[in-house]
PDB file of N, CA and C in Angstrom:
ATOM      1  N   MET A   1      15.102  -4.326   8.293  1.00  0.00           N
ATOM      2  CA  MET A   1      14.235  -4.624   7.179  1.00  0.00           C
ATOM      3  C   MET A   1      14.121  -3.363   6.322  1.00  0.00           C
ATOM      4  N   GLY A   2      14.263  -3.526   5.026  1.00  0.00           N
ATOM      5  CA  GLY A   2      14.233  -2.390   4.122  1.00  0.00           C
ATOM      6  C   GLY A   2      12.823  -1.897   3.837  1.00  0.00           C
ATOM      7  N   PHE A   3      12.762  -0.676   3.385  1.00  0.00           N
ATOM      8  CA  PHE A   3      11.482  -0.028   3.090  1.00  0.00           C
ATOM      9  C   PHE A   3      10.717  -0.781   2.014  1.00  0.00           C
ATOM     10  N   TRP A   4      11.372  -1.099   0.894  1.00  0.00           N
ATOM     11  CA  TRP A   4      10.693  -1.773  -0.220  1.00  0.00           C
ATOM     12  C   TRP A   4      10.307  -3.197   0.140  1.00  0.00           C
ATOM     13  N   GLN A   5      11.077  -3.834   1.004  1.00  0.00           N
ATOM     14  CA  GLN A   5      10.732  -5.190   1.448  1.00  0.00           C
ATOM     15  C   GLN A   5       9.443  -5.150   2.271  1.00  0.00           C
ATOM     16  N   GLN A   6       9.297  -4.148   3.121  1.00  0.00           N
ATOM     17  CA  GLN A   6       8.067  -4.010   3.906  1.00  0.00           C
ATOM     18  C   GLN A   6       6.868  -3.746   3.004  1.00  0.00           C
ATOM     19  N   ILE A   7       7.039  -2.887   1.997  1.00  0.00           N
ATOM     20  CA  ILE A   7       5.945  -2.611   1.063  1.00  0.00           C
ATOM     21  C   ILE A   7       5.554  -3.890   0.340  1.00  0.00           C
ATOM     22  N   GLY A   8       6.538  -4.673  -0.084  1.00  0.00           N
ATOM     23  CA  GLY A   8       6.250  -5.938  -0.757  1.00  0.00           C
ATOM     24  C   GLY A   8       5.504  -6.913   0.133  1.00  0.00           C
ATOM     25  N   GLU A   9       5.844  -6.931   1.416  1.00  0.00           N
ATOM     26  CA  GLU A   9       5.143  -7.814   2.351  1.00  0.00           C
ATOM     27  C   GLU A   9       3.710  -7.342   2.582  1.00  0.00           C
ATOM     28  N   TYR A  10       3.491  -6.022   2.671  1.00  0.00           N
ATOM     29  CA  TYR A  10       2.143  -5.499   2.880  1.00  0.00           C
ATOM     30  C   TYR A  10       1.238  -5.847   1.715  1.00  0.00           C
ATOM     31  N   LEU A  11       1.788  -5.801   0.511  1.00  0.00           N
ATOM     32  CA  LEU A  11       0.990  -6.060  -0.686  1.00  0.00           C
ATOM     33  C   LEU A  11       1.012  -7.525  -1.090  1.00  0.00           C
ATOM     34  N   TYR A  12       1.561  -8.376  -0.255  1.00  0.00           N
ATOM     35  CA  TYR A  12       1.657  -9.819  -0.501  1.00  0.00           C
ATOM     36  C   TYR A  12       2.506 -10.142  -1.731  1.00  0.00           C
ATOM     37  N   LEU A  13       3.506  -9.305  -2.032  1.00  0.00           N
ATOM     38  CA  LEU A  13       4.395  -9.573  -3.156  1.00  0.00           C
ATOM     39  C   LEU A  13       5.612 -10.392  -2.731  1.00  0.00           C
ATOM     40  N   ARG A  14       5.928 -10.364  -1.455  1.00  0.00           N
ATOM     41  CA  ARG A  14       7.089 -11.077  -0.926  1.00  0.00           C
ATOM     42  C   ARG A  14       6.671 -11.920   0.267  1.00  0.00           C
ATOM     43  N   LYS A  15       7.464 -12.941   0.533  1.00  0.00           N
ATOM     44  CA  LYS A  15       7.230 -13.745   1.733  1.00  0.00           C
ATOM     45  C   LYS A  15       7.582 -12.923   2.961  1.00  0.00           C
ATOM     46  N   LYS A  16       6.884 -13.176   4.035  1.00  0.00           N
ATOM     47  CA  LYS A  16       7.174 -12.468   5.274  1.00  0.00           C
ATOM     48  C   LYS A  16       8.482 -12.972   5.870  1.00  0.00           C
ATOM     49  N   ASP A  17       9.132 -12.095   6.614  1.00  0.00           N
ATOM     50  CA  ASP A  17      10.396 -12.423   7.260  1.00  0.00           C
ATOM     51  C   ASP A  17      10.143 -13.467   8.344  1.00  0.00           C
ATOM     52  N   PRO A  18      10.783 -14.649   8.261  1.00  0.00           N
ATOM     53  CA  PRO A  18      10.544 -15.686   9.276  1.00  0.00           C
ATOM     54  C   PRO A  18      11.087 -15.313  10.652  1.00  0.00           C
ATOM     55  N   ASN A  19      12.017 -14.364  10.717  1.00  0.00           N
ATOM     56  CA  ASN A  19      12.595 -13.964  12.002  1.00  0.00           C
ATOM     57  C   ASN A  19      11.809 -12.840  12.669  1.00  0.00           C
ATOM     58  N   ALA A  20      10.794 -12.333  11.992  1.00  0.00           N
ATOM     59  CA  ALA A  20      10.005 -11.232  12.550  1.00  0.00           C
ATOM     60  C   ALA A  20       9.103 -11.744  13.673  1.00  0.00           C
ATOM     61  N   GLY A  21       8.745 -10.840  14.552  1.00  0.00           N
ATOM     62  CA  GLY A  21       7.853 -11.200  15.644  1.00  0.00           C
ATOM     63  C   GLY A  21       6.478 -11.605  15.139  1.00  0.00           C
ATOM     64  N   LYS A  22       5.801 -12.478  15.890  1.00  0.00           N
ATOM     65  CA  LYS A  22       4.500 -12.977  15.453  1.00  0.00           C
ATOM     66  C   LYS A  22       3.404 -12.605  16.440  1.00  0.00           C
ATOM     67  N   GLY A  23       3.545 -11.459  17.070  1.00  0.00           N
ATOM     68  CA  GLY A  23       2.557 -11.025  18.041  1.00  0.00           C
ATOM     69  C   GLY A  23       1.270 -10.565  17.385  1.00  0.00           C
ATOM     70  N   THR A  24       0.206 -10.564  18.173  1.00  0.00           N
ATOM     71  CA  THR A  24      -1.097 -10.150  17.674  1.00  0.00           C
ATOM     72  C   THR A  24      -1.091  -8.678  17.287  1.00  0.00           C
ATOM     73  N   TRP A  25      -0.413  -7.854  18.081  1.00  0.00           N
ATOM     74  CA  TRP A  25      -0.402  -6.420  17.793  1.00  0.00           C
ATOM     75  C   TRP A  25       0.345  -6.125  16.500  1.00  0.00           C
ATOM     76  N   ILE A  26       1.363  -6.900  16.211  1.00  0.00           N
ATOM     77  CA  ILE A  26       2.098  -6.723  14.953  1.00  0.00           C
ATOM     78  C   ILE A  26       1.176  -7.028  13.779  1.00  0.00           C
ATOM     79  N   LYS A  27       0.364  -8.074  13.889  1.00  0.00           N
ATOM     80  CA  LYS A  27      -0.573  -8.417  12.812  1.00  0.00           C
ATOM     81  C   LYS A  27      -1.582  -7.297  12.597  1.00  0.00           C
ATOM     82  N   HIS A  28      -2.086  -6.731  13.685  1.00  0.00           N
ATOM     83  CA  HIS A  28      -3.036  -5.623  13.573  1.00  0.00           C
ATOM     84  C   HIS A  28      -2.373  -4.405  12.928  1.00  0.00           C
ATOM     85  N   MET A  29      -1.144  -4.120  13.347  1.00  0.00           N
ATOM     86  CA  MET A  29      -0.430  -2.977  12.796  1.00  0.00           C
ATOM     87  C   MET A  29      -0.204  -3.157  11.295  1.00  0.00           C
ATOM     88  N   HIS A  30       0.197  -4.344  10.877  1.00  0.00           N
ATOM     89  CA  HIS A  30       0.428  -4.600   9.459  1.00  0.00           C
ATOM     90  C   HIS A  30      -0.882  -4.512   8.675  1.00  0.00           C
ATOM     91  N   GLY A  31      -1.967  -4.978   9.259  1.00  0.00           N
ATOM     92  CA  GLY A  31      -3.264  -4.874   8.598  1.00  0.00           C
ATOM     93  C   GLY A  31      -3.688  -3.426   8.398  1.00  0.00           C
ATOM     94  N   MET A  32      -3.494  -2.599   9.416  1.00  0.00           N
ATOM     95  CA  MET A  32      -3.832  -1.182   9.298  1.00  0.00           C
ATOM     96  C   MET A  32      -2.928  -0.488   8.287  1.00  0.00           C
ATOM     97  N   ASN A  33      -1.653  -0.845   8.285  1.00  0.00           N
ATOM     98  CA  ASN A  33      -0.736  -0.265   7.304  1.00  0.00           C
ATOM     99  C   ASN A  33      -1.138  -0.659   5.891  1.00  0.00           C
ATOM    100  N   ARG A  34      -1.576  -1.893   5.716  1.00  0.00           N
ATOM    101  CA  ARG A  34      -2.002  -2.368   4.400  1.00  0.00           C
ATOM    102  C   ARG A  34      -3.227  -1.580   3.928  1.00  0.00           C
ATOM    103  N   ILE A  35      -4.186  -1.367   4.835  1.00  0.00           N
ATOM    104  CA  ILE A  35      -5.383  -0.600   4.482  1.00  0.00           C
ATOM    105  C   ILE A  35      -5.012   0.831   4.099  1.00  0.00           C
ATOM    106  N   SER A  36      -4.145   1.465   4.881  1.00  0.00           N
ATOM    107  CA  SER A  36      -3.768   2.846   4.581  1.00  0.00           C
ATOM    108  C   SER A  36      -2.983   2.935   3.283  1.00  0.00           C
ATOM    109  N   LEU A  37      -2.174   1.943   2.974  1.00  0.00           N
ATOM    110  CA  LEU A  37      -1.427   1.939   1.720  1.00  0.00           C
ATOM    111  C   LEU A  37      -2.369   1.801   0.533  1.00  0.00           C
ATOM    112  N   TYR A  38      -3.363   0.917   0.634  1.00  0.00           N
ATOM    113  CA  TYR A  38      -4.348   0.771  -0.439  1.00  0.00           C
ATOM    114  C   TYR A  38      -5.157   2.059  -0.625  1.00  0.00           C
ATOM    115  N   MET A  39      -5.531   2.706   0.471  1.00  0.00           N
ATOM    116  CA  MET A  39      -6.270   3.966   0.368  1.00  0.00           C
ATOM    117  C   MET A  39      -5.421   5.040  -0.306  1.00  0.00           C
ATOM    118  N   PHE A  40      -4.147   5.097   0.042  1.00  0.00           N
ATOM    119  CA  PHE A  40      -3.239   6.069  -0.560  1.00  0.00           C
ATOM    120  C   PHE A  40      -3.116   5.834  -2.060  1.00  0.00           C
ATOM    121  N   LEU A  41      -2.930   4.576  -2.470  1.00  0.00           N
ATOM    122  CA  LEU A  41      -2.814   4.265  -3.896  1.00  0.00           C
ATOM    123  C   LEU A  41      -4.108   4.585  -4.640  1.00  0.00           C
ATOM    124  N   PHE A  42      -5.244   4.287  -4.025  1.00  0.00           N
ATOM    125  CA  PHE A  42      -6.533   4.611  -4.636  1.00  0.00           C
ATOM    126  C   PHE A  42      -6.682   6.120  -4.821  1.00  0.00           C
ATOM    127  N   CYS A  43      -6.304   6.891  -3.806  1.00  0.00           N
ATOM    128  CA  CYS A  43      -6.408   8.347  -3.901  1.00  0.00           C
ATOM    129  C   CYS A  43      -5.464   8.903  -4.963  1.00  0.00           C
ATOM    130  N   LEU A  44      -4.287   8.317  -5.109  1.00  0.00           N
ATOM    131  CA  LEU A  44      -3.390   8.741  -6.182  1.00  0.00           C
ATOM    132  C   LEU A  44      -4.021   8.506  -7.546  1.00  0.00           C
ATOM    133  N   LEU A  45      -4.697   7.380  -7.713  1.00  0.00           N
ATOM    134  CA  LEU A  45      -5.377   7.098  -8.976  1.00  0.00           C
ATOM    135  C   LEU A  45      -6.504   8.096  -9.232  1.00  0.00           C
ATOM    136  N   VAL A  46      -7.254   8.435  -8.196  1.00  0.00           N
ATOM    137  CA  VAL A  46      -8.338   9.413  -8.344  1.00  0.00           C
ATOM    138  C   VAL A  46      -7.768  10.776  -8.731  1.00  0.00           C
ATOM    139  N   ILE A  47      -6.697  11.195  -8.074  1.00  0.00           N
ATOM    140  CA  ILE A  47      -6.067  12.475  -8.398  1.00  0.00           C
ATOM    141  C   ILE A  47      -5.542  12.463  -9.826  1.00  0.00           C
ATOM    142  N   LEU A  48      -4.907  11.378 -10.216  1.00  0.00           N
ATOM    143  CA  LEU A  48      -4.405  11.251 -11.582  1.00  0.00           C
ATOM    144  C   LEU A  48      -5.545  11.366 -12.584  1.00  0.00           C
ATOM    145  N   PHE A  49      -6.640  10.699 -12.304  1.00  0.00           N
ATOM    146  CA  PHE A  49      -7.790  10.756 -13.211  1.00  0.00           C
ATOM    147  C   PHE A  49      -8.371  12.166 -13.291  1.00  0.00           C
ATOM    148  N   ARG A  50      -8.571  12.798 -12.132  1.00  0.00           N
ATOM    149  CA  ARG A  50      -9.235  14.108 -12.113  1.00  0.00           C
ATOM    150  C   ARG A  50      -8.398  15.213 -12.735  1.00  0.00           C
ATOM    151  N   PHE A  51      -7.083  15.176 -12.534  1.00  0.00           N
ATOM    152  CA  PHE A  51      -6.255  16.294 -12.969  1.00  0.00           C
ATOM    153  C   PHE A  51      -5.458  16.037 -14.239  1.00  0.00           C
ATOM    154  N   VAL A  52      -5.394  14.802 -14.699  1.00  0.00           N
ATOM    155  CA  VAL A  52      -4.615  14.510 -15.904  1.00  0.00           C
ATOM    156  C   VAL A  52      -5.490  13.899 -16.989  1.00  0.00           C
ATOM    157  N   ILE A  53      -6.152  12.809 -16.690  1.00  0.00           N
ATOM    158  CA  ILE A  53      -6.885  12.075 -17.721  1.00  0.00           C
ATOM    159  C   ILE A  53      -8.181  12.791 -18.105  1.00  0.00           C
ATOM    160  N   LYS A  54      -8.932  13.237 -17.127  1.00  0.00           N
ATOM    161  CA  LYS A  54     -10.215  13.898 -17.409  1.00  0.00           C
ATOM    162  C   LYS A  54     -10.041  15.164 -18.250  1.00  0.00           C
ATOM    163  N   PRO A  55      -9.086  16.065 -17.939  1.00  0.00           N
ATOM    164  CA  PRO A  55      -8.902  17.236 -18.814  1.00  0.00           C
ATOM    165  C   PRO A  55      -8.489  16.861 -20.239  1.00  0.00           C
ATOM    166  N   LEU A  56      -7.748  15.790 -20.399  1.00  0.00           N
ATOM    167  CA  LEU A  56      -7.364  15.369 -21.746  1.00  0.00           C
ATOM    168  C   LEU A  56      -8.562  14.854 -22.534  1.00  0.00           C
ATOM    169  N   LEU A  57      -9.511  14.231 -21.850  1.00  0.00           N
ATOM    170  CA  LEU A  57     -10.699  13.713 -22.517  1.00  0.00           C
ATOM    171  C   LEU A  57     -11.703  14.814 -22.851  1.00  0.00           C
ATOM    172  N   MET A  58     -11.675  15.906 -22.111  1.00  0.00           N
ATOM    173  CA  MET A  58     -12.639  16.989 -22.309  1.00  0.00           C
ATOM    174  C   MET A  58     -12.296  17.861 -23.512  1.00  0.00           C
ATOM    175  N   LYS A  59     -11.105  17.752 -24.058  1.00  0.00           N
ATOM    176  CA  LYS A  59     -10.697  18.584 -25.208  1.00  0.00           C
ATOM    177  C   LYS A  59     -11.439  18.220 -26.449  1.00  0.00           C
TER     178      LYS A  59
END
């Protein structure tokens, strides 16, 4: 499974692989990965705002 395909599945952009395992632990792992990915994207937005957008607005 490719990297971008996994990202698409975490963000609900793509259908899940029908041949993938359906264990409970896999569901928990994917849920935790989804949470960490959302936190990472949120932090990138905060960093972008603090170091790029905010200084431009203060001029």
